[in-house]
Amino acid sequence: FCAKCCELGYPVYEMDVIAAGEESYAAMRRSTNGGGEKS
């Protein structure tokens, strides 16, 4: 998928996609019940 994106002129790399998903998940976790371990 990333190779196809680069072919189309979009600089998308595996770690960018993975990191974006993890960052989004972490932000959602932090937003629930204060984001502590007991979230």
All heavy atoms as atom14 arrays in JSON, in Angstrom:
{
  "sequence": "FCAKCCELGYPVYEMDVIAAGEESYAAMRRSTNGGGEKS",
  "atom14_mask": [
    [1, 1, 1, 1, 1, 1, 1, 1, 1, 1, 1, 0, 0, 0],
    [1, 1, 1, 1, 1, 1, 0, 0, 0, 0, 0, 0, 0, 0],
    [1, 1, 1, 1, 1, 0, 0, 0, 0, 0, 0, 0, 0, 0],
    [1, 1, 1, 1, 1, 1, 1, 1, 1, 0, 0, 0, 0, 0],
    [1, 1, 1, 1, 1, 1, 0, 0, 0, 0, 0, 0, 0, 0],
    [1, 1, 1, 1, 1, 1, 0, 0, 0, 0, 0, 0, 0, 0],
    [1, 1, 1, 1, 1, 1, 1, 1, 1, 0, 0, 0, 0, 0],
    [1, 1, 1, 1, 1, 1, 1, 1, 0, 0, 0, 0, 0, 0],
    [1, 1, 1, 1, 0, 0, 0, 0, 0, 0, 0, 0, 0, 0],
    [1, 1, 1, 1, 1, 1, 1, 1, 1, 1, 1, 1, 0, 0],
    [1, 1, 1, 1, 1, 1, 1, 0, 0, 0, 0, 0, 0, 0],
    [1, 1, 1, 1, 1, 1, 1, 0, 0, 0, 0, 0, 0, 0],
    [1, 1, 1, 1, 1, 1, 1, 1, 1, 1, 1, 1, 0, 0],
    [1, 1, 1, 1, 1, 1, 1, 1, 1, 0, 0, 0, 0, 0],
    [1, 1, 1, 1, 1, 1, 1, 1, 0, 0, 0, 0, 0, 0],
    [1, 1, 1, 1, 1, 1, 1, 1, 0, 0, 0, 0, 0, 0],
    [1, 1, 1, 1, 1, 1, 1, 0, 0, 0, 0, 0, 0, 0],
    [1, 1, 1, 1, 1, 1, 1, 1, 0, 0, 0, 0, 0, 0],
    [1, 1, 1, 1, 1, 0, 0, 0, 0, 0, 0, 0, 0, 0],
    [1, 1, 1, 1, 1, 0, 0, 0, 0, 0, 0, 0, 0, 0],
    [1, 1, 1, 1, 0, 0, 0, 0, 0, 0, 0, 0, 0, 0],
    [1, 1, 1, 1, 1, 1, 1, 1, 1, 0, 0, 0, 0, 0],
    [1, 1, 1, 1, 1, 1, 1, 1, 1, 0, 0, 0, 0, 0],
    [1, 1, 1, 1, 1, 1, 0, 0, 0, 0, 0, 0, 0, 0],
    [1, 1, 1, 1, 1, 1, 1, 1, 1, 1, 1, 1, 0, 0],
    [1, 1, 1, 1, 1, 0, 0, 0, 0, 0, 0, 0, 0, 0],
    [1, 1, 1, 1, 1, 0, 0, 0, 0, 0, 0, 0, 0, 0],
    [1, 1, 1, 1, 1, 1, 1, 1, 0, 0, 0, 0, 0, 0],
    [1, 1, 1, 1, 1, 1, 1, 1, 1, 1, 1, 0, 0, 0],
    [1, 1, 1, 1, 1, 1, 1, 1, 1, 1, 1, 0, 0, 0],
    [1, 1, 1, 1, 1, 1, 0, 0, 0, 0, 0, 0, 0, 0],
    [1, 1, 1, 1, 1, 1, 1, 0, 0, 0, 0, 0, 0, 0],
    [1, 1, 1, 1, 1, 1, 1, 1, 0, 0, 0, 0, 0, 0],
    [1, 1, 1, 1, 0, 0, 0, 0, 0, 0, 0, 0, 0, 0],
    [1, 1, 1, 1, 0, 0, 0, 0, 0, 0, 0, 0, 0, 0],
    [1, 1, 1, 1, 0, 0, 0, 0, 0, 0, 0, 0, 0, 0],
    [1, 1, 1, 1, 1, 1, 1, 1, 1, 0, 0, 0, 0, 0],
    [1, 1, 1, 1, 1, 1, 1, 1, 1, 0, 0, 0, 0, 0],
    [1, 1, 1, 1, 1, 1, 0, 0, 0, 0, 0, 0, 0, 0]
  ],
  "atom14_positions": [
    [[0.83, -1.2, 0.0], [0.0, 0.0, 0.0], [0.87, 1.26, 0.0], [0.64, 2.18, -0.77], [-0.92, -0.02, 1.22], [-1.7, 1.25, 1.4], [-2.79, 1.52, 0.6], [-1.32, 2.17, 2.36], [-3.5, 2.71, 0.76], [-2.03, 3.35, 2.53], [-3.12, 3.62, 1.73], [0.0, 0.0, 0.0], [0.0, 0.0, 0.0], [0.0, 0.0, 0.0]],
    [[1.87, 1.27, 0.86], [2.75, 2.45, 0.95], [3.52, 2.66, -0.35], [3.7, 3.8, -0.78], [3.7, 2.31, 2.13], [2.87, 2.41, 3.72], [0.0, 0.0, 0.0], [0.0, 0.0, 0.0], [0.0, 0.0, 0.0], [0.0, 0.0, 0.0], [0.0, 0.0, 0.0], [0.0, 0.0, 0.0], [0.0, 0.0, 0.0], [0.0, 0.0, 0.0]],
    [[3.95, 1.57, -0.98], [4.65, 1.67, -2.26], [3.73, 2.31, -3.3], [4.16, 3.16, -4.09], [5.14, 0.31, -2.72], [0.0, 0.0, 0.0], [0.0, 0.0, 0.0], [0.0, 0.0, 0.0], [0.0, 0.0, 0.0], [0.0, 0.0, 0.0], [0.0, 0.0, 0.0], [0.0, 0.0, 0.0], [0.0, 0.0, 0.0], [0.0, 0.0, 0.0]],
    [[2.46, 1.91, -3.3], [1.5, 2.48, -4.24], [1.29, 3.96, -3.96], [1.21, 4.77, -4.89], [0.16, 1.72, -4.16], [-0.85, 2.17, -5.18], [-0.33, 1.93, -6.58], [-1.27, 2.46, -7.62], [-0.69, 2.4, -8.97], [0.0, 0.0, 0.0], [0.0, 0.0, 0.0], [0.0, 0.0, 0.0], [0.0, 0.0, 0.0], [0.0, 0.0, 0.0]],
    [[1.21, 4.32, -2.68], [1.05, 5.73, -2.32], [2.23, 6.55, -2.8], [2.05, 7.65, -3.36], [0.9, 5.89, -0.8], [-0.65, 5.23, -0.16], [0.0, 0.0, 0.0], [0.0, 0.0, 0.0], [0.0, 0.0, 0.0], [0.0, 0.0, 0.0], [0.0, 0.0, 0.0], [0.0, 0.0, 0.0], [0.0, 0.0, 0.0], [0.0, 0.0, 0.0]],
    [[3.45, 6.04, -2.61], [4.65, 6.74, -3.07], [4.64, 6.87, -4.59], [5.02, 7.91, -5.13], [5.9, 6.03, -2.58], [6.18, 6.22, -0.81], [0.0, 0.0, 0.0], [0.0, 0.0, 0.0], [0.0, 0.0, 0.0], [0.0, 0.0, 0.0], [0.0, 0.0, 0.0], [0.0, 0.0, 0.0], [0.0, 0.0, 0.0], [0.0, 0.0, 0.0]],
    [[4.19, 5.83, -5.25], [4.07, 5.84, -6.72], [3.11, 6.95, -7.17], [3.3, 7.57, -8.21], [3.55, 4.48, -7.17], [3.47, 4.28, -8.66], [2.92, 2.89, -8.98], [3.48, 1.9, -8.47], [1.93, 2.81, -9.73], [0.0, 0.0, 0.0], [0.0, 0.0, 0.0], [0.0, 0.0, 0.0], [0.0, 0.0, 0.0], [0.0, 0.0, 0.0]],
    [[2.09, 7.21, -6.36], [1.1, 8.25, -6.67], [1.59, 9.65, -6.27], [0.9, 10.63, -6.49], [-0.21, 7.96, -5.95], [-0.95, 6.7, -6.39], [-2.08, 6.39, -5.42], [-1.47, 6.86, -7.81], [0.0, 0.0, 0.0], [0.0, 0.0, 0.0], [0.0, 0.0, 0.0], [0.0, 0.0, 0.0], [0.0, 0.0, 0.0], [0.0, 0.0, 0.0]],
    [[2.77, 9.7, -5.62], [3.32, 10.99, -5.23], [3.04, 11.39, -3.79], [3.27, 12.53, -3.4], [0.0, 0.0, 0.0], [0.0, 0.0, 0.0], [0.0, 0.0, 0.0], [0.0, 0.0, 0.0], [0.0, 0.0, 0.0], [0.0, 0.0, 0.0], [0.0, 0.0, 0.0], [0.0, 0.0, 0.0], [0.0, 0.0, 0.0], [0.0, 0.0, 0.0]],
    [[2.56, 10.45, -2.99], [2.28, 10.71, -1.58], [3.34, 10.0, -0.73], [3.44, 8.77, -0.78], [0.89, 10.2, -1.19], [-0.22, 10.91, -1.89], [-0.84, 10.36, -3.01], [-0.66, 12.15, -1.44], [-1.87, 11.01, -3.66], [-1.69, 12.81, -2.08], [-2.29, 12.24, -3.19], [-3.31, 12.89, -3.83], [0.0, 0.0, 0.0], [0.0, 0.0, 0.0]],
    [[4.1, 10.73, 0.05], [5.13, 10.11, 0.88], [4.53, 9.41, 2.1], [4.45, 9.97, 3.19], [6.01, 11.29, 1.29], [5.08, 12.46, 1.31], [4.08, 12.19, 0.21], [0.0, 0.0, 0.0], [0.0, 0.0, 0.0], [0.0, 0.0, 0.0], [0.0, 0.0, 0.0], [0.0, 0.0, 0.0], [0.0, 0.0, 0.0], [0.0, 0.0, 0.0]],
    [[4.07, 8.19, 1.9], [3.46, 7.41, 2.98], [4.34, 6.18, 3.21], [4.63, 5.44, 2.27], [2.03, 6.95, 2.59], [1.44, 6.04, 3.65], [1.14, 8.16, 2.37], [0.0, 0.0, 0.0], [0.0, 0.0, 0.0], [0.0, 0.0, 0.0], [0.0, 0.0, 0.0], [0.0, 0.0, 0.0], [0.0, 0.0, 0.0], [0.0, 0.0, 0.0]],
    [[4.77, 6.03, 4.45], [5.64, 4.91, 4.81], [5.01, 4.12, 5.95], [4.19, 4.65, 6.71], [7.03, 5.43, 5.2], [7.63, 6.25, 4.08], [7.58, 7.63, 4.11], [8.19, 5.63, 2.97], [8.1, 8.38, 3.07], [8.71, 6.36, 1.92], [8.66, 7.75, 1.98], [9.17, 8.48, 0.94], [0.0, 0.0, 0.0], [0.0, 0.0, 0.0]],
    [[5.42, 2.86, 6.07], [4.81, 1.95, 7.03], [4.76, 2.55, 8.44], [3.73, 2.53, 9.1], [5.56, 0.61, 7.08], [5.39, -0.22, 5.83], [6.51, 0.01, 4.81], [7.16, 1.09, 4.85], [6.71, -0.87, 3.98], [0.0, 0.0, 0.0], [0.0, 0.0, 0.0], [0.0, 0.0, 0.0], [0.0, 0.0, 0.0], [0.0, 0.0, 0.0]],
    [[5.88, 3.05, 8.91], [5.94, 3.56, 10.27], [5.06, 4.8, 10.45], [4.55, 5.04, 11.55], [7.37, 3.85, 10.7], [8.16, 2.59, 11.0], [7.35, 1.4, 12.11], [7.12, 2.34, 13.59], [0.0, 0.0, 0.0], [0.0, 0.0, 0.0], [0.0, 0.0, 0.0], [0.0, 0.0, 0.0], [0.0, 0.0, 0.0], [0.0, 0.0, 0.0]],
    [[4.86, 5.58, 9.4], [3.95, 6.73, 9.49], [2.53, 6.26, 9.77], [1.84, 6.82, 10.62], [3.95, 7.54, 8.19], [5.27, 8.21, 7.9], [6.03, 8.49, 8.85], [5.55, 8.45, 6.71], [0.0, 0.0, 0.0], [0.0, 0.0, 0.0], [0.0, 0.0, 0.0], [0.0, 0.0, 0.0], [0.0, 0.0, 0.0], [0.0, 0.0, 0.0]],
    [[2.1, 5.23, 9.06], [0.74, 4.72, 9.21], [0.57, 4.08, 10.59], [-0.41, 4.33, 11.28], [0.41, 3.7, 8.09], [-0.97, 3.1, 8.29], [0.5, 4.37, 6.72], [0.0, 0.0, 0.0], [0.0, 0.0, 0.0], [0.0, 0.0, 0.0], [0.0, 0.0, 0.0], [0.0, 0.0, 0.0], [0.0, 0.0, 0.0], [0.0, 0.0, 0.0]],
    [[1.56, 3.29, 11.0], [1.49, 2.62, 12.3], [1.5, 3.65, 13.43], [0.69, 3.59, 14.35], [2.66, 1.63, 12.45], [2.48, 0.48, 11.47], [2.77, 1.12, 13.89], [3.7, -0.4, 11.3], [0.0, 0.0, 0.0], [0.0, 0.0, 0.0], [0.0, 0.0, 0.0], [0.0, 0.0, 0.0], [0.0, 0.0, 0.0], [0.0, 0.0, 0.0]],
    [[2.42, 4.62, 13.35], [2.53, 5.64, 14.4], [1.26, 6.48, 14.49], [0.81, 6.81, 15.58], [3.74, 6.53, 14.15], [0.0, 0.0, 0.0], [0.0, 0.0, 0.0], [0.0, 0.0, 0.0], [0.0, 0.0, 0.0], [0.0, 0.0, 0.0], [0.0, 0.0, 0.0], [0.0, 0.0, 0.0], [0.0, 0.0, 0.0], [0.0, 0.0, 0.0]],
    [[0.67, 6.81, 13.36], [-0.56, 7.61, 13.36], [-1.68, 6.86, 14.08], [-2.43, 7.45, 14.86], [-0.97, 7.97, 11.94], [0.0, 0.0, 0.0], [0.0, 0.0, 0.0], [0.0, 0.0, 0.0], [0.0, 0.0, 0.0], [0.0, 0.0, 0.0], [0.0, 0.0, 0.0], [0.0, 0.0, 0.0], [0.0, 0.0, 0.0], [0.0, 0.0, 0.0]],
    [[-1.78, 5.57, 13.83], [-2.81, 4.77, 14.5], [-2.56, 4.68, 16.0], [-3.48, 4.81, 16.81], [0.0, 0.0, 0.0], [0.0, 0.0, 0.0], [0.0, 0.0, 0.0], [0.0, 0.0, 0.0], [0.0, 0.0, 0.0], [0.0, 0.0, 0.0], [0.0, 0.0, 0.0], [0.0, 0.0, 0.0], [0.0, 0.0, 0.0], [0.0, 0.0, 0.0]],
    [[-1.3, 4.5, 16.38], [-0.97, 4.4, 17.8], [-1.2, 5.73, 18.51], [-1.67, 5.76, 19.64], [0.47, 3.94, 17.97], [0.65, 2.48, 17.6], [2.09, 2.01, 17.69], [3.0, 2.83, 17.94], [2.31, 0.81, 17.48], [0.0, 0.0, 0.0], [0.0, 0.0, 0.0], [0.0, 0.0, 0.0], [0.0, 0.0, 0.0], [0.0, 0.0, 0.0]],
    [[-0.85, 6.83, 17.85], [-1.06, 8.15, 18.44], [-2.54, 8.43, 18.64], [-2.96, 8.97, 19.67], [-0.43, 9.23, 17.58], [1.09, 9.22, 17.61], [1.71, 10.12, 16.57], [0.99, 10.93, 15.93], [2.93, 10.02, 16.37], [0.0, 0.0, 0.0], [0.0, 0.0, 0.0], [0.0, 0.0, 0.0], [0.0, 0.0, 0.0], [0.0, 0.0, 0.0]],
    [[-3.34, 8.05, 17.66], [-4.78, 8.24, 17.75], [-5.35, 7.41, 18.91], [-6.17, 7.9, 19.69], [-5.44, 7.84, 16.43], [-6.83, 7.9, 16.53], [0.0, 0.0, 0.0], [0.0, 0.0, 0.0], [0.0, 0.0, 0.0], [0.0, 0.0, 0.0], [0.0, 0.0, 0.0], [0.0, 0.0, 0.0], [0.0, 0.0, 0.0], [0.0, 0.0, 0.0]],
    [[-4.92, 6.18, 19.03], [-5.38, 5.29, 20.1], [-4.97, 5.86, 21.46], [-5.77, 5.89, 22.39], [-4.81, 3.89, 19.9], [-5.24, 2.91, 20.95], [-6.51, 2.35, 20.92], [-4.37, 2.54, 21.97], [-6.91, 1.44, 21.89], [-4.77, 1.64, 22.94], [-6.03, 1.08, 22.9], [-6.42, 0.19, 23.85], [0.0, 0.0, 0.0], [0.0, 0.0, 0.0]],
    [[-3.74, 6.31, 21.57], [-3.24, 6.86, 22.83], [-4.04, 8.11, 23.22], [-4.37, 8.3, 24.4], [-1.76, 7.19, 22.73], [0.0, 0.0, 0.0], [0.0, 0.0, 0.0], [0.0, 0.0, 0.0], [0.0, 0.0, 0.0], [0.0, 0.0, 0.0], [0.0, 0.0, 0.0], [0.0, 0.0, 0.0], [0.0, 0.0, 0.0], [0.0, 0.0, 0.0]],
    [[-4.37, 8.95, 22.26], [-5.16, 10.15, 22.54], [-6.55, 9.78, 23.06], [-7.07, 10.39, 23.99], [-5.26, 11.03, 21.3], [0.0, 0.0, 0.0], [0.0, 0.0, 0.0], [0.0, 0.0, 0.0], [0.0, 0.0, 0.0], [0.0, 0.0, 0.0], [0.0, 0.0, 0.0], [0.0, 0.0, 0.0], [0.0, 0.0, 0.0], [0.0, 0.0, 0.0]],
    [[-7.14, 8.74, 22.46], [-8.46, 8.3, 22.92], [-8.36, 7.73, 24.34], [-9.23, 7.99, 25.17], [-9.04, 7.24, 21.97], [-9.56, 7.81, 20.68], [-10.45, 6.6, 19.69], [-9.14, 5.5, 19.19], [0.0, 0.0, 0.0], [0.0, 0.0, 0.0], [0.0, 0.0, 0.0], [0.0, 0.0, 0.0], [0.0, 0.0, 0.0], [0.0, 0.0, 0.0]],
    [[-7.31, 6.98, 24.62], [-7.13, 6.42, 25.96], [-6.99, 7.53, 27.0], [-7.55, 7.46, 28.08], [-5.87, 5.54, 26.04], [-5.96, 4.16, 25.52], [-6.72, 3.26, 26.42], [-6.06, 3.06, 27.71], [-6.16, 1.98, 28.41], [-6.85, 0.98, 27.94], [-5.61, 1.87, 29.59], [0.0, 0.0, 0.0], [0.0, 0.0, 0.0], [0.0, 0.0, 0.0]],
    [[-6.21, 8.55, 26.65], [-6.01, 9.66, 27.59], [-7.3, 10.41, 27.85], [-7.48, 10.99, 28.9], [-4.95, 10.62, 27.05], [-3.54, 10.1, 27.17], [-2.53, 11.18, 26.86], [-2.68, 11.75, 25.54], [-2.13, 11.29, 24.42], [-1.39, 10.2, 24.46], [-2.3, 11.9, 23.28], [0.0, 0.0, 0.0], [0.0, 0.0, 0.0], [0.0, 0.0, 0.0]],
    [[-8.2, 10.4, 26.89], [-9.43, 11.18, 27.03], [-10.5, 10.46, 27.85], [-11.52, 11.05, 28.17], [-9.99, 11.54, 25.66], [-10.52, 10.4, 25.03], [0.0, 0.0, 0.0], [0.0, 0.0, 0.0], [0.0, 0.0, 0.0], [0.0, 0.0, 0.0], [0.0, 0.0, 0.0], [0.0, 0.0, 0.0], [0.0, 0.0, 0.0], [0.0, 0.0, 0.0]],
    [[-10.28, 9.2, 28.19], [-11.27, 8.45, 28.96], [-10.83, 8.33, 30.41], [-9.75, 7.83, 30.7], [-11.49, 7.04, 28.38], [-10.25, 6.34, 28.39], [-12.04, 7.1, 26.98], [0.0, 0.0, 0.0], [0.0, 0.0, 0.0], [0.0, 0.0, 0.0], [0.0, 0.0, 0.0], [0.0, 0.0, 0.0], [0.0, 0.0, 0.0], [0.0, 0.0, 0.0]],
    [[-11.65, 8.8, 31.32], [-11.39, 8.7, 32.76], [-10.0, 9.18, 33.14], [-9.33, 8.55, 33.95], [-11.59, 7.27, 33.25], [-13.03, 6.88, 33.23], [-13.92, 7.73, 33.22], [-13.29, 5.59, 33.22], [0.0, 0.0, 0.0], [0.0, 0.0, 0.0], [0.0, 0.0, 0.0], [0.0, 0.0, 0.0], [0.0, 0.0, 0.0], [0.0, 0.0, 0.0]],
    [[-9.53, 10.21, 32.56], [-8.23, 10.76, 32.92], [-7.06, 10.05, 32.29], [-5.92, 10.46, 32.42], [0.0, 0.0, 0.0], [0.0, 0.0, 0.0], [0.0, 0.0, 0.0], [0.0, 0.0, 0.0], [0.0, 0.0, 0.0], [0.0, 0.0, 0.0], [0.0, 0.0, 0.0], [0.0, 0.0, 0.0], [0.0, 0.0, 0.0], [0.0, 0.0, 0.0]],
    [[-7.3, 8.98, 31.59], [-6.25, 8.29, 30.84], [-5.26, 7.5, 31.66], [-4.22, 7.12, 31.18], [0.0, 0.0, 0.0], [0.0, 0.0, 0.0], [0.0, 0.0, 0.0], [0.0, 0.0, 0.0], [0.0, 0.0, 0.0], [0.0, 0.0, 0.0], [0.0, 0.0, 0.0], [0.0, 0.0, 0.0], [0.0, 0.0, 0.0], [0.0, 0.0, 0.0]],
    [[-5.56, 7.25, 32.91], [-4.64, 6.47, 33.73], [-4.69, 4.99, 33.41], [-5.37, 4.56, 32.49], [0.0, 0.0, 0.0], [0.0, 0.0, 0.0], [0.0, 0.0, 0.0], [0.0, 0.0, 0.0], [0.0, 0.0, 0.0], [0.0, 0.0, 0.0], [0.0, 0.0, 0.0], [0.0, 0.0, 0.0], [0.0, 0.0, 0.0], [0.0, 0.0, 0.0]],
    [[-3.97, 4.23, 34.2], [-3.92, 2.79, 33.98], [-5.28, 2.14, 34.13], [-5.53, 1.07, 33.59], [-2.94, 2.15, 34.95], [-1.51, 2.44, 34.63], [-0.56, 1.74, 35.58], [-0.96, 0.72, 36.19], [0.56, 2.21, 35.72], [0.0, 0.0, 0.0], [0.0, 0.0, 0.0], [0.0, 0.0, 0.0], [0.0, 0.0, 0.0], [0.0, 0.0, 0.0]],
    [[-6.18, 2.78, 34.86], [-7.5, 2.19, 35.09], [-8.52, 2.64, 34.06], [-9.7, 2.38, 34.2], [-7.97, 2.52, 36.5], [-7.09, 1.89, 37.54], [-7.57, 2.13, 38.92], [-6.57, 1.45, 39.85], [-6.85, 1.59, 41.21], [0.0, 0.0, 0.0], [0.0, 0.0, 0.0], [0.0, 0.0, 0.0], [0.0, 0.0, 0.0], [0.0, 0.0, 0.0]],
    [[-8.06, 3.3, 33.0], [-8.97, 3.68, 31.93], [-9.52, 2.42, 31.29], [-8.82, 1.41, 31.2], [-8.23, 4.48, 30.85], [-7.85, 5.73, 31.34], [0.0, 0.0, 0.0], [0.0, 0.0, 0.0], [0.0, 0.0, 0.0], [0.0, 0.0, 0.0], [0.0, 0.0, 0.0], [0.0, 0.0, 0.0], [0.0, 0.0, 0.0], [0.0, 0.0, 0.0]]
  ]
}
